[in-house]
Amino acid sequence: RAPTVFSDDMALLGFLNGKLMSYFGGIINPTLSFNLVDLYQLPWLSNQVDCIRANVEACVSRLLEISNCDWNERETSWSFNVPRLLSLEIHQSSFKVTYENLRAGWQKMILELQLLEEENNRTFIDAYGLQDELTPEVPLSEITLTCNSHYRYGGDKSEQELEVLLRADTMREFISYAVGCMMGRYSLDEPG
């Protein structure tokens, strides 16, 4: 079993999901196995964290919001209602333009998540005085949203190939929803 942390402390979540965790984790235990005792050895500096708590909590809260939004667009989510491709806020007269609106919204979401993760990293790096050791940058391939083709399909493909794959999967998901409507799993009259 892997150690699991349950906490409602947003600052702790920001710390454990940022670059500092990887940095300290590699120092404490450079193997693939990270145990509970290793978790207790992480340098959680309460004084520094208390000074940055409000900033980190706001950042982590927004990161969770974006991630939940991305997850809830999938049929496997308990909160799934309808595919975003059918939402009224992006609907246009043609399917192509609707998809382009959807894609633009996803791109905005991906870039916002990247900026927030970098801000979280920067905040902790500054608080721990590790500016000479670490940079806050997060590559697109590490933005773990399913709408992010760089993460979803890997980094060895061109932008055009990534777009083709994402468009194909989006259409598959749309067809899956349509079949679900035909089979009675979903209803066009009622979301969910």
N, C-alpha and C. Protein backbone atom coordinates (compact mmCIF):
# COMPACT_ATOMS: atom_id res chain seq x y z
N ARG A 1 0.82 -1.19 0.00
CA ARG A 1 0.00 0.00 0.00
C ARG A 1 0.87 1.25 0.00
N ALA A 2 0.35 2.28 -0.60
CA ALA A 2 1.04 3.57 -0.62
C ALA A 2 0.49 4.45 0.49
N PRO A 3 1.32 5.29 1.08
CA PRO A 3 0.80 6.19 2.10
C PRO A 3 -0.19 7.17 1.49
N THR A 4 -1.23 7.43 2.22
CA THR A 4 -2.28 8.33 1.76
C THR A 4 -2.45 9.42 2.80
N VAL A 5 -2.61 10.64 2.34
CA VAL A 5 -2.78 11.76 3.25
C VAL A 5 -4.18 12.32 3.05
N PHE A 6 -4.93 12.42 4.13
CA PHE A 6 -6.22 13.07 4.13
C PHE A 6 -6.10 14.33 4.97
N SER A 7 -6.38 15.45 4.35
CA SER A 7 -6.26 16.71 5.07
C SER A 7 -7.16 17.76 4.44
N ASP A 8 -7.68 18.63 5.29
CA ASP A 8 -8.43 19.77 4.76
C ASP A 8 -7.59 21.04 4.81
N ASP A 9 -6.30 20.88 5.11
CA ASP A 9 -5.37 22.00 5.12
C ASP A 9 -4.89 22.26 3.70
N MET A 10 -5.42 23.33 3.09
CA MET A 10 -5.09 23.65 1.70
C MET A 10 -3.60 23.96 1.51
N ALA A 11 -2.97 24.56 2.50
CA ALA A 11 -1.54 24.86 2.39
C ALA A 11 -0.73 23.56 2.34
N LEU A 12 -1.12 22.58 3.13
CA LEU A 12 -0.44 21.28 3.10
C LEU A 12 -0.63 20.61 1.75
N LEU A 13 -1.83 20.70 1.20
CA LEU A 13 -2.09 20.14 -0.13
C LEU A 13 -1.22 20.82 -1.18
N GLY A 14 -1.08 22.13 -1.10
CA GLY A 14 -0.24 22.87 -2.03
C GLY A 14 1.22 22.44 -1.92
N PHE A 15 1.68 22.23 -0.69
CA PHE A 15 3.06 21.79 -0.46
C PHE A 15 3.28 20.38 -1.02
N LEU A 16 2.38 19.46 -0.71
CA LEU A 16 2.55 18.06 -1.12
C LEU A 16 2.41 17.85 -2.62
N ASN A 17 1.77 18.78 -3.31
CA ASN A 17 1.57 18.63 -4.75
C ASN A 17 2.41 19.59 -5.57
N GLY A 18 3.44 20.14 -4.96
CA GLY A 18 4.30 21.08 -5.66
C GLY A 18 5.70 20.53 -5.87
N LYS A 19 6.54 21.38 -6.42
CA LYS A 19 7.93 21.00 -6.71
C LYS A 19 8.74 20.69 -5.46
N LEU A 20 8.43 21.36 -4.34
CA LEU A 20 9.19 21.10 -3.13
C LEU A 20 9.04 19.66 -2.67
N MET A 21 7.86 19.09 -2.84
CA MET A 21 7.65 17.69 -2.44
C MET A 21 8.59 16.77 -3.23
N SER A 22 8.70 16.97 -4.53
CA SER A 22 9.60 16.16 -5.35
C SER A 22 11.05 16.38 -4.93
N TYR A 23 11.40 17.62 -4.66
CA TYR A 23 12.76 17.97 -4.28
C TYR A 23 13.13 17.32 -2.94
N PHE A 24 12.30 17.56 -1.92
CA PHE A 24 12.58 16.99 -0.61
C PHE A 24 12.43 15.46 -0.61
N GLY A 25 11.44 14.97 -1.35
CA GLY A 25 11.24 13.52 -1.43
C GLY A 25 12.45 12.83 -2.02
N GLY A 26 13.08 13.43 -3.01
CA GLY A 26 14.28 12.86 -3.62
C GLY A 26 15.47 12.86 -2.67
N ILE A 27 15.49 13.82 -1.78
CA ILE A 27 16.58 13.88 -0.79
C ILE A 27 16.34 12.87 0.33
N ILE A 28 15.12 12.83 0.83
CA ILE A 28 14.79 11.95 1.95
C ILE A 28 14.85 10.48 1.55
N ASN A 29 14.28 10.17 0.38
CA ASN A 29 14.25 8.78 -0.07
C ASN A 29 14.32 8.78 -1.60
N PRO A 30 15.51 8.62 -2.16
CA PRO A 30 15.67 8.70 -3.62
C PRO A 30 15.19 7.46 -4.38
N THR A 31 14.61 6.49 -3.69
CA THR A 31 14.10 5.30 -4.37
C THR A 31 12.67 5.54 -4.84
N LEU A 32 12.07 4.56 -5.47
CA LEU A 32 10.67 4.67 -5.91
C LEU A 32 9.70 4.50 -4.75
N SER A 33 10.16 3.93 -3.67
CA SER A 33 9.32 3.66 -2.51
C SER A 33 9.34 4.85 -1.57
N PHE A 34 8.20 5.45 -1.35
CA PHE A 34 8.10 6.58 -0.42
C PHE A 34 7.14 6.15 0.67
N ASN A 35 7.64 5.98 1.88
CA ASN A 35 6.86 5.42 2.98
C ASN A 35 6.34 6.50 3.92
N LEU A 36 5.52 6.08 4.85
CA LEU A 36 4.92 6.99 5.80
C LEU A 36 6.00 7.69 6.65
N VAL A 37 7.02 6.95 7.03
CA VAL A 37 8.09 7.55 7.81
C VAL A 37 8.79 8.65 7.01
N ASP A 38 8.89 8.48 5.70
CA ASP A 38 9.48 9.51 4.84
C ASP A 38 8.61 10.76 4.82
N LEU A 39 7.30 10.55 4.83
CA LEU A 39 6.37 11.68 4.84
C LEU A 39 6.54 12.52 6.10
N TYR A 40 6.74 11.87 7.23
CA TYR A 40 6.93 12.58 8.49
C TYR A 40 8.25 13.34 8.54
N GLN A 41 9.20 12.99 7.69
CA GLN A 41 10.50 13.66 7.68
C GLN A 41 10.52 14.90 6.78
N LEU A 42 9.45 15.14 6.04
CA LEU A 42 9.41 16.33 5.20
C LEU A 42 9.48 17.59 6.06
N PRO A 43 10.23 18.57 5.64
CA PRO A 43 10.39 19.79 6.44
C PRO A 43 9.20 20.74 6.30
N TRP A 44 8.20 20.54 7.11
CA TRP A 44 7.02 21.40 7.12
C TRP A 44 7.29 22.54 8.09
N LEU A 45 7.67 23.69 7.57
CA LEU A 45 8.05 24.83 8.39
C LEU A 45 6.83 25.70 8.65
N SER A 46 6.22 25.51 9.80
CA SER A 46 4.97 26.19 10.14
C SER A 46 5.07 27.71 10.05
N ASN A 47 6.19 28.26 10.52
CA ASN A 47 6.34 29.73 10.52
C ASN A 47 6.28 30.28 9.10
N GLN A 48 7.02 29.68 8.18
CA GLN A 48 7.02 30.15 6.80
C GLN A 48 5.65 29.93 6.15
N VAL A 49 5.04 28.79 6.43
CA VAL A 49 3.75 28.46 5.82
C VAL A 49 2.66 29.40 6.30
N ASP A 50 2.68 29.75 7.59
CA ASP A 50 1.65 30.66 8.11
C ASP A 50 1.70 32.02 7.44
N CYS A 51 2.88 32.45 7.03
CA CYS A 51 3.04 33.76 6.36
C CYS A 51 2.45 33.74 4.95
N ILE A 52 2.41 32.59 4.32
CA ILE A 52 1.94 32.49 2.94
C ILE A 52 0.59 31.79 2.81
N ARG A 53 0.02 31.41 3.93
CA ARG A 53 -1.18 30.57 3.95
C ARG A 53 -2.32 31.11 3.08
N ALA A 54 -2.67 32.37 3.21
CA ALA A 54 -3.81 32.93 2.47
C ALA A 54 -3.59 32.81 0.96
N ASN A 55 -2.38 33.14 0.51
CA ASN A 55 -2.07 33.06 -0.91
C ASN A 55 -2.15 31.62 -1.42
N VAL A 56 -1.57 30.69 -0.66
CA VAL A 56 -1.56 29.29 -1.07
C VAL A 56 -2.97 28.72 -1.06
N GLU A 57 -3.75 29.03 -0.03
CA GLU A 57 -5.12 28.50 0.05
C GLU A 57 -5.97 28.96 -1.13
N ALA A 58 -5.86 30.22 -1.51
CA ALA A 58 -6.62 30.72 -2.66
C ALA A 58 -6.18 30.03 -3.94
N CYS A 59 -4.89 29.85 -4.10
CA CYS A 59 -4.32 29.19 -5.29
C CYS A 59 -4.78 27.74 -5.37
N VAL A 60 -4.65 27.00 -4.27
CA VAL A 60 -5.01 25.58 -4.25
C VAL A 60 -6.52 25.41 -4.44
N SER A 61 -7.29 26.28 -3.86
CA SER A 61 -8.74 26.21 -4.02
C SER A 61 -9.13 26.33 -5.50
N ARG A 62 -8.53 27.26 -6.19
CA ARG A 62 -8.80 27.45 -7.62
C ARG A 62 -8.28 26.25 -8.44
N LEU A 63 -7.10 25.72 -8.07
CA LEU A 63 -6.57 24.53 -8.75
C LEU A 63 -7.55 23.36 -8.62
N LEU A 64 -8.10 23.16 -7.44
CA LEU A 64 -9.07 22.08 -7.23
C LEU A 64 -10.34 22.32 -8.05
N GLU A 65 -10.77 23.56 -8.10
CA GLU A 65 -11.97 23.91 -8.87
C GLU A 65 -11.80 23.57 -10.36
N ILE A 66 -10.66 23.95 -10.92
CA ILE A 66 -10.39 23.68 -12.33
C ILE A 66 -10.29 22.17 -12.58
N SER A 67 -9.58 21.48 -11.71
CA SER A 67 -9.42 20.03 -11.87
C SER A 67 -10.76 19.31 -11.76
N ASN A 68 -11.60 19.73 -10.83
CA ASN A 68 -12.93 19.13 -10.70
C ASN A 68 -13.78 19.39 -11.94
N CYS A 69 -13.69 20.58 -12.47
CA CYS A 69 -14.43 20.93 -13.69
C CYS A 69 -14.01 20.01 -14.83
N ASP A 70 -12.70 19.82 -14.98
CA ASP A 70 -12.19 18.92 -16.03
C ASP A 70 -12.68 17.49 -15.81
N TRP A 71 -12.62 17.01 -14.58
CA TRP A 71 -13.04 15.64 -14.28
C TRP A 71 -14.54 15.46 -14.53
N ASN A 72 -15.34 16.45 -14.14
CA ASN A 72 -16.80 16.33 -14.27
C ASN A 72 -17.29 16.39 -15.71
N GLU A 73 -16.38 16.66 -16.66
CA GLU A 73 -16.75 16.60 -18.08
C GLU A 73 -16.68 15.17 -18.61
N ARG A 74 -16.24 14.23 -17.81
CA ARG A 74 -16.11 12.83 -18.22
C ARG A 74 -17.31 12.03 -17.77
N GLU A 75 -17.75 11.10 -18.59
CA GLU A 75 -18.91 10.26 -18.25
C GLU A 75 -18.68 9.44 -16.99
N THR A 76 -17.44 9.16 -16.66
CA THR A 76 -17.14 8.34 -15.48
C THR A 76 -17.27 9.12 -14.17
N SER A 77 -17.44 10.43 -14.25
CA SER A 77 -17.61 11.24 -13.05
C SER A 77 -19.05 11.12 -12.54
N TRP A 78 -19.20 11.06 -11.23
CA TRP A 78 -20.54 11.01 -10.65
C TRP A 78 -21.28 12.33 -10.87
N SER A 79 -20.57 13.41 -11.12
CA SER A 79 -21.19 14.71 -11.32
C SER A 79 -21.38 15.06 -12.80
N PHE A 80 -21.16 14.09 -13.68
CA PHE A 80 -21.32 14.33 -15.12
C PHE A 80 -22.79 14.60 -15.42
N ASN A 81 -23.04 15.63 -16.24
CA ASN A 81 -24.40 15.95 -16.67
C ASN A 81 -24.55 15.79 -18.18
N VAL A 82 -23.85 16.64 -18.92
CA VAL A 82 -23.85 16.57 -20.38
C VAL A 82 -22.44 16.90 -20.86
N PRO A 83 -22.08 16.43 -22.05
CA PRO A 83 -20.76 16.82 -22.57
C PRO A 83 -20.69 18.33 -22.75
N ARG A 84 -19.56 18.89 -22.48
CA ARG A 84 -19.39 20.35 -22.60
C ARG A 84 -19.64 20.80 -24.03
N LEU A 85 -19.46 19.89 -24.98
CA LEU A 85 -19.70 20.20 -26.39
C LEU A 85 -21.17 20.59 -26.61
N LEU A 86 -22.06 20.16 -25.73
CA LEU A 86 -23.48 20.48 -25.86
C LEU A 86 -23.93 21.62 -24.94
N SER A 87 -23.02 22.20 -24.18
CA SER A 87 -23.42 23.26 -23.26
C SER A 87 -23.80 24.52 -24.03
N LEU A 88 -24.76 25.21 -23.50
CA LEU A 88 -25.30 26.41 -24.17
C LEU A 88 -24.29 27.54 -24.23
N GLU A 89 -23.36 27.62 -23.26
CA GLU A 89 -22.42 28.74 -23.23
C GLU A 89 -21.43 28.73 -24.38
N ILE A 90 -21.19 27.58 -25.00
CA ILE A 90 -20.25 27.54 -26.13
C ILE A 90 -20.95 27.20 -27.45
N HIS A 91 -22.24 26.90 -27.38
CA HIS A 91 -22.98 26.47 -28.58
C HIS A 91 -23.01 27.57 -29.64
N GLN A 92 -22.74 27.17 -30.88
CA GLN A 92 -22.77 28.07 -32.03
C GLN A 92 -23.60 27.42 -33.14
N SER A 93 -23.72 28.10 -34.25
CA SER A 93 -24.56 27.60 -35.34
C SER A 93 -23.94 26.38 -36.03
N SER A 94 -22.62 26.25 -36.02
CA SER A 94 -22.01 25.07 -36.64
C SER A 94 -21.24 24.26 -35.59
N PHE A 95 -21.18 22.97 -35.84
CA PHE A 95 -20.48 22.06 -34.93
C PHE A 95 -19.00 22.40 -34.87
N LYS A 96 -18.42 22.80 -36.00
CA LYS A 96 -17.01 23.14 -36.06
C LYS A 96 -16.69 24.33 -35.15
N VAL A 97 -17.51 25.37 -35.24
CA VAL A 97 -17.28 26.56 -34.42
C VAL A 97 -17.52 26.25 -32.94
N THR A 98 -18.49 25.40 -32.66
CA THR A 98 -18.74 24.99 -31.28
C THR A 98 -17.52 24.26 -30.72
N TYR A 99 -16.94 23.36 -31.51
CA TYR A 99 -15.74 22.65 -31.06
C TYR A 99 -14.59 23.64 -30.85
N GLU A 100 -14.44 24.60 -31.74
CA GLU A 100 -13.38 25.60 -31.59
C GLU A 100 -13.56 26.40 -30.29
N ASN A 101 -14.80 26.73 -29.95
CA ASN A 101 -15.09 27.42 -28.68
C ASN A 101 -14.73 26.54 -27.49
N LEU A 102 -15.09 25.27 -27.60
CA LEU A 102 -14.77 24.31 -26.55
C LEU A 102 -13.25 24.23 -26.36
N ARG A 103 -12.55 24.11 -27.47
CA ARG A 103 -11.09 23.99 -27.45
C ARG A 103 -10.45 25.25 -26.86
N ALA A 104 -10.98 26.42 -27.21
CA ALA A 104 -10.46 27.68 -26.66
C ALA A 104 -10.68 27.73 -25.14
N GLY A 105 -11.84 27.27 -24.69
CA GLY A 105 -12.11 27.21 -23.25
C GLY A 105 -11.17 26.26 -22.53
N TRP A 106 -10.92 25.12 -23.16
CA TRP A 106 -9.97 24.16 -22.57
C TRP A 106 -8.58 24.76 -22.49
N GLN A 107 -8.17 25.44 -23.55
CA GLN A 107 -6.83 26.04 -23.58
C GLN A 107 -6.69 27.08 -22.47
N LYS A 108 -7.73 27.86 -22.27
CA LYS A 108 -7.72 28.85 -21.20
C LYS A 108 -7.59 28.17 -19.84
N MET A 109 -8.32 27.07 -19.66
CA MET A 109 -8.27 26.32 -18.42
C MET A 109 -6.87 25.75 -18.16
N ILE A 110 -6.27 25.19 -19.20
CA ILE A 110 -4.93 24.59 -19.10
C ILE A 110 -3.91 25.65 -18.71
N LEU A 111 -3.96 26.79 -19.38
CA LEU A 111 -2.99 27.86 -19.10
C LEU A 111 -3.19 28.44 -17.70
N GLU A 112 -4.44 28.57 -17.26
CA GLU A 112 -4.70 29.06 -15.91
C GLU A 112 -4.16 28.09 -14.88
N LEU A 113 -4.39 26.79 -15.10
CA LEU A 113 -3.88 25.79 -14.17
C LEU A 113 -2.35 25.82 -14.12
N GLN A 114 -1.72 25.97 -15.28
CA GLN A 114 -0.26 26.05 -15.34
C GLN A 114 0.25 27.26 -14.55
N LEU A 115 -0.38 28.41 -14.74
CA LEU A 115 0.02 29.62 -14.01
C LEU A 115 -0.17 29.47 -12.50
N LEU A 116 -1.28 28.84 -12.11
CA LEU A 116 -1.54 28.64 -10.68
C LEU A 116 -0.54 27.66 -10.06
N GLU A 117 -0.22 26.59 -10.78
CA GLU A 117 0.77 25.64 -10.26
C GLU A 117 2.13 26.31 -10.13
N GLU A 118 2.49 27.14 -11.10
CA GLU A 118 3.76 27.86 -11.03
C GLU A 118 3.75 28.86 -9.88
N GLU A 119 2.62 29.51 -9.65
CA GLU A 119 2.50 30.44 -8.53
C GLU A 119 2.64 29.70 -7.20
N ASN A 120 2.01 28.53 -7.09
CA ASN A 120 2.14 27.71 -5.88
C ASN A 120 3.60 27.32 -5.66
N ASN A 121 4.26 26.86 -6.72
CA ASN A 121 5.67 26.50 -6.62
C ASN A 121 6.52 27.70 -6.20
N ARG A 122 6.29 28.83 -6.84
CA ARG A 122 7.06 30.05 -6.55
C ARG A 122 6.89 30.47 -5.09
N THR A 123 5.67 30.39 -4.60
CA THR A 123 5.39 30.78 -3.22
C THR A 123 6.18 29.92 -2.24
N PHE A 124 6.15 28.61 -2.43
CA PHE A 124 6.88 27.72 -1.52
C PHE A 124 8.39 27.81 -1.71
N ILE A 125 8.84 27.95 -2.94
CA ILE A 125 10.28 28.09 -3.19
C ILE A 125 10.81 29.34 -2.49
N ASP A 126 10.07 30.44 -2.59
CA ASP A 126 10.48 31.67 -1.91
C ASP A 126 10.42 31.52 -0.40
N ALA A 127 9.38 30.89 0.13
CA ALA A 127 9.22 30.74 1.57
C ALA A 127 10.34 29.88 2.17
N TYR A 128 10.79 28.90 1.43
CA TYR A 128 11.84 28.01 1.91
C TYR A 128 13.24 28.48 1.48
N GLY A 129 13.32 29.59 0.74
CA GLY A 129 14.60 30.15 0.34
C GLY A 129 15.38 29.27 -0.63
N LEU A 130 14.68 28.62 -1.54
CA LEU A 130 15.32 27.70 -2.48
C LEU A 130 15.36 28.24 -3.91
N GLN A 131 15.42 29.57 -4.07
CA GLN A 131 15.43 30.18 -5.39
C GLN A 131 16.63 29.75 -6.21
N ASP A 132 17.75 29.45 -5.56
CA ASP A 132 18.95 29.02 -6.28
C ASP A 132 18.91 27.54 -6.65
N GLU A 133 18.02 26.79 -6.04
CA GLU A 133 17.94 25.34 -6.25
C GLU A 133 16.83 24.94 -7.23
N LEU A 134 15.71 25.65 -7.19
CA LEU A 134 14.53 25.24 -7.96
C LEU A 134 13.95 26.40 -8.76
N THR A 135 13.27 26.05 -9.83
CA THR A 135 12.49 27.04 -10.60
C THR A 135 11.02 26.64 -10.51
N PRO A 136 10.12 27.59 -10.57
CA PRO A 136 8.70 27.27 -10.41
C PRO A 136 8.02 26.74 -11.67
N GLU A 137 8.71 26.75 -12.81
CA GLU A 137 8.08 26.40 -14.08
C GLU A 137 7.51 24.97 -14.07
N VAL A 138 6.37 24.84 -14.73
CA VAL A 138 5.71 23.55 -14.90
C VAL A 138 5.45 23.38 -16.40
N PRO A 139 6.04 22.36 -17.03
CA PRO A 139 5.80 22.15 -18.46
C PRO A 139 4.36 21.71 -18.73
N LEU A 140 3.88 22.01 -19.93
CA LEU A 140 2.51 21.63 -20.30
C LEU A 140 2.27 20.13 -20.15
N SER A 141 3.27 19.32 -20.38
CA SER A 141 3.09 17.87 -20.28
C SER A 141 2.80 17.41 -18.85
N GLU A 142 3.00 18.29 -17.86
CA GLU A 142 2.73 17.93 -16.47
C GLU A 142 1.43 18.53 -15.94
N ILE A 143 0.69 19.21 -16.81
CA ILE A 143 -0.62 19.74 -16.42
C ILE A 143 -1.63 18.62 -16.62
N THR A 144 -2.02 17.99 -15.51
CA THR A 144 -2.77 16.74 -15.58
C THR A 144 -4.28 16.94 -15.74
N LEU A 145 -4.65 17.60 -16.80
CA LEU A 145 -6.06 17.72 -17.17
C LEU A 145 -6.29 16.83 -18.39
N THR A 146 -7.43 16.16 -18.43
CA THR A 146 -7.69 15.29 -19.59
C THR A 146 -7.93 16.09 -20.86
N CYS A 147 -8.26 17.36 -20.73
CA CYS A 147 -8.43 18.20 -21.91
C CYS A 147 -7.09 18.70 -22.43
N ASN A 148 -5.99 18.39 -21.74
CA ASN A 148 -4.66 18.81 -22.14
C ASN A 148 -4.02 17.71 -22.98
N SER A 149 -3.95 17.92 -24.27
CA SER A 149 -3.41 16.90 -25.18
C SER A 149 -1.94 16.60 -24.92
N HIS A 150 -1.18 17.57 -24.43
CA HIS A 150 0.24 17.33 -24.12
C HIS A 150 0.39 16.29 -23.01
N TYR A 151 -0.49 16.35 -22.05
CA TYR A 151 -0.48 15.37 -20.96
C TYR A 151 -1.14 14.05 -21.40
N ARG A 152 -2.25 14.16 -22.06
CA ARG A 152 -3.06 12.99 -22.41
C ARG A 152 -2.38 12.05 -23.40
N TYR A 153 -1.63 12.60 -24.35
CA TYR A 153 -1.06 11.78 -25.42
C TYR A 153 0.46 11.75 -25.42
N GLY A 154 1.09 12.44 -24.52
CA GLY A 154 2.56 12.41 -24.48
C GLY A 154 3.18 13.51 -25.30
N GLY A 155 4.48 13.73 -25.08
CA GLY A 155 5.15 14.86 -25.68
C GLY A 155 5.89 14.58 -26.97
N ASP A 156 5.78 13.39 -27.51
CA ASP A 156 6.54 13.04 -28.71
C ASP A 156 5.77 13.31 -30.01
N LYS A 157 4.69 14.08 -29.93
CA LYS A 157 3.86 14.35 -31.11
C LYS A 157 3.84 15.85 -31.40
N SER A 158 3.58 16.18 -32.65
CA SER A 158 3.49 17.59 -33.04
C SER A 158 2.15 18.16 -32.55
N GLU A 159 2.06 19.48 -32.55
CA GLU A 159 0.81 20.15 -32.16
C GLU A 159 -0.37 19.68 -33.01
N GLN A 160 -0.12 19.50 -34.32
CA GLN A 160 -1.17 19.06 -35.22
C GLN A 160 -1.63 17.64 -34.88
N GLU A 161 -0.68 16.74 -34.60
CA GLU A 161 -1.03 15.37 -34.23
C GLU A 161 -1.81 15.34 -32.91
N LEU A 162 -1.40 16.17 -31.97
CA LEU A 162 -2.10 16.23 -30.69
C LEU A 162 -3.53 16.73 -30.88
N GLU A 163 -3.70 17.72 -31.74
CA GLU A 163 -5.03 18.26 -32.00
C GLU A 163 -5.94 17.22 -32.65
N VAL A 164 -5.39 16.48 -33.61
CA VAL A 164 -6.18 15.42 -34.28
C VAL A 164 -6.63 14.37 -33.27
N LEU A 165 -5.73 13.96 -32.39
CA LEU A 165 -6.07 12.96 -31.37
C LEU A 165 -7.14 13.48 -30.41
N LEU A 166 -7.00 14.72 -29.96
CA LEU A 166 -7.96 15.30 -29.03
C LEU A 166 -9.33 15.46 -29.68
N ARG A 167 -9.35 15.91 -30.93
CA ARG A 167 -10.62 16.07 -31.64
C ARG A 167 -11.30 14.71 -31.81
N ALA A 168 -10.54 13.69 -32.17
CA ALA A 168 -11.10 12.34 -32.36
C ALA A 168 -11.68 11.82 -31.04
N ASP A 169 -10.95 11.99 -29.95
CA ASP A 169 -11.46 11.52 -28.66
C ASP A 169 -12.69 12.30 -28.21
N THR A 170 -12.70 13.60 -28.49
CA THR A 170 -13.87 14.42 -28.14
C THR A 170 -15.09 13.94 -28.91
N MET A 171 -14.93 13.62 -30.17
CA MET A 171 -16.04 13.11 -30.97
C MET A 171 -16.48 11.72 -30.48
N ARG A 172 -15.52 10.88 -30.08
CA ARG A 172 -15.86 9.56 -29.51
C ARG A 172 -16.70 9.73 -28.25
N GLU A 173 -16.30 10.67 -27.40
CA GLU A 173 -17.04 10.92 -26.17
C GLU A 173 -18.44 11.44 -26.48
N PHE A 174 -18.55 12.27 -27.50
CA PHE A 174 -19.86 12.79 -27.92
C PHE A 174 -20.75 11.65 -28.43
N ILE A 175 -20.17 10.76 -29.23
CA ILE A 175 -20.93 9.60 -29.74
C ILE A 175 -21.32 8.68 -28.60
N SER A 176 -20.42 8.48 -27.64
CA SER A 176 -20.74 7.66 -26.47
C SER A 176 -21.93 8.24 -25.72
N TYR A 177 -21.97 9.55 -25.58
CA TYR A 177 -23.10 10.20 -24.92
C TYR A 177 -24.38 10.01 -25.75
N ALA A 178 -24.27 10.17 -27.07
CA ALA A 178 -25.44 9.99 -27.94
C ALA A 178 -25.98 8.56 -27.82
N VAL A 179 -25.10 7.58 -27.82
CA VAL A 179 -25.53 6.18 -27.66
C VAL A 179 -26.18 6.00 -26.29
N GLY A 180 -25.59 6.63 -25.25
CA GLY A 180 -26.19 6.58 -23.91
C GLY A 180 -27.59 7.17 -23.89
N CYS A 181 -27.83 8.22 -24.67
CA CYS A 181 -29.18 8.79 -24.78
C CYS A 181 -30.12 7.81 -25.46
N MET A 182 -29.64 7.17 -26.54
CA MET A 182 -30.47 6.21 -27.28
C MET A 182 -30.81 4.99 -26.44
N MET A 183 -29.89 4.59 -25.58
CA MET A 183 -30.10 3.40 -24.76
C MET A 183 -30.81 3.71 -23.44
N GLY A 184 -31.06 4.96 -23.17
CA GLY A 184 -31.79 5.33 -21.97
C GLY A 184 -30.93 5.66 -20.75
N ARG A 185 -29.63 5.65 -20.91
CA ARG A 185 -28.76 6.00 -19.77
C ARG A 185 -28.85 7.50 -19.48
N TYR A 186 -28.92 8.29 -20.53
CA TYR A 186 -29.04 9.74 -20.39
C TYR A 186 -30.32 10.19 -21.06
N SER A 187 -30.74 11.40 -20.72
CA SER A 187 -31.92 11.99 -21.32
C SER A 187 -31.58 13.38 -21.81
N LEU A 188 -32.09 13.73 -22.98
CA LEU A 188 -31.86 15.08 -23.49
C LEU A 188 -32.74 16.09 -22.75
N ASP A 189 -33.80 15.61 -22.09
CA ASP A 189 -34.70 16.49 -21.38
C ASP A 189 -34.19 16.89 -19.99
N GLU A 190 -33.32 16.07 -19.44
CA GLU A 190 -32.86 16.28 -18.07
C GLU A 190 -31.37 15.98 -17.96
N PRO A 191 -30.59 16.89 -17.39
CA PRO A 191 -29.15 16.61 -17.27
C PRO A 191 -28.87 15.48 -16.28
N GLY A 192 -27.75 14.84 -16.46
CA GLY A 192 -27.32 13.78 -15.54
C GLY A 192 -27.80 12.41 -15.93
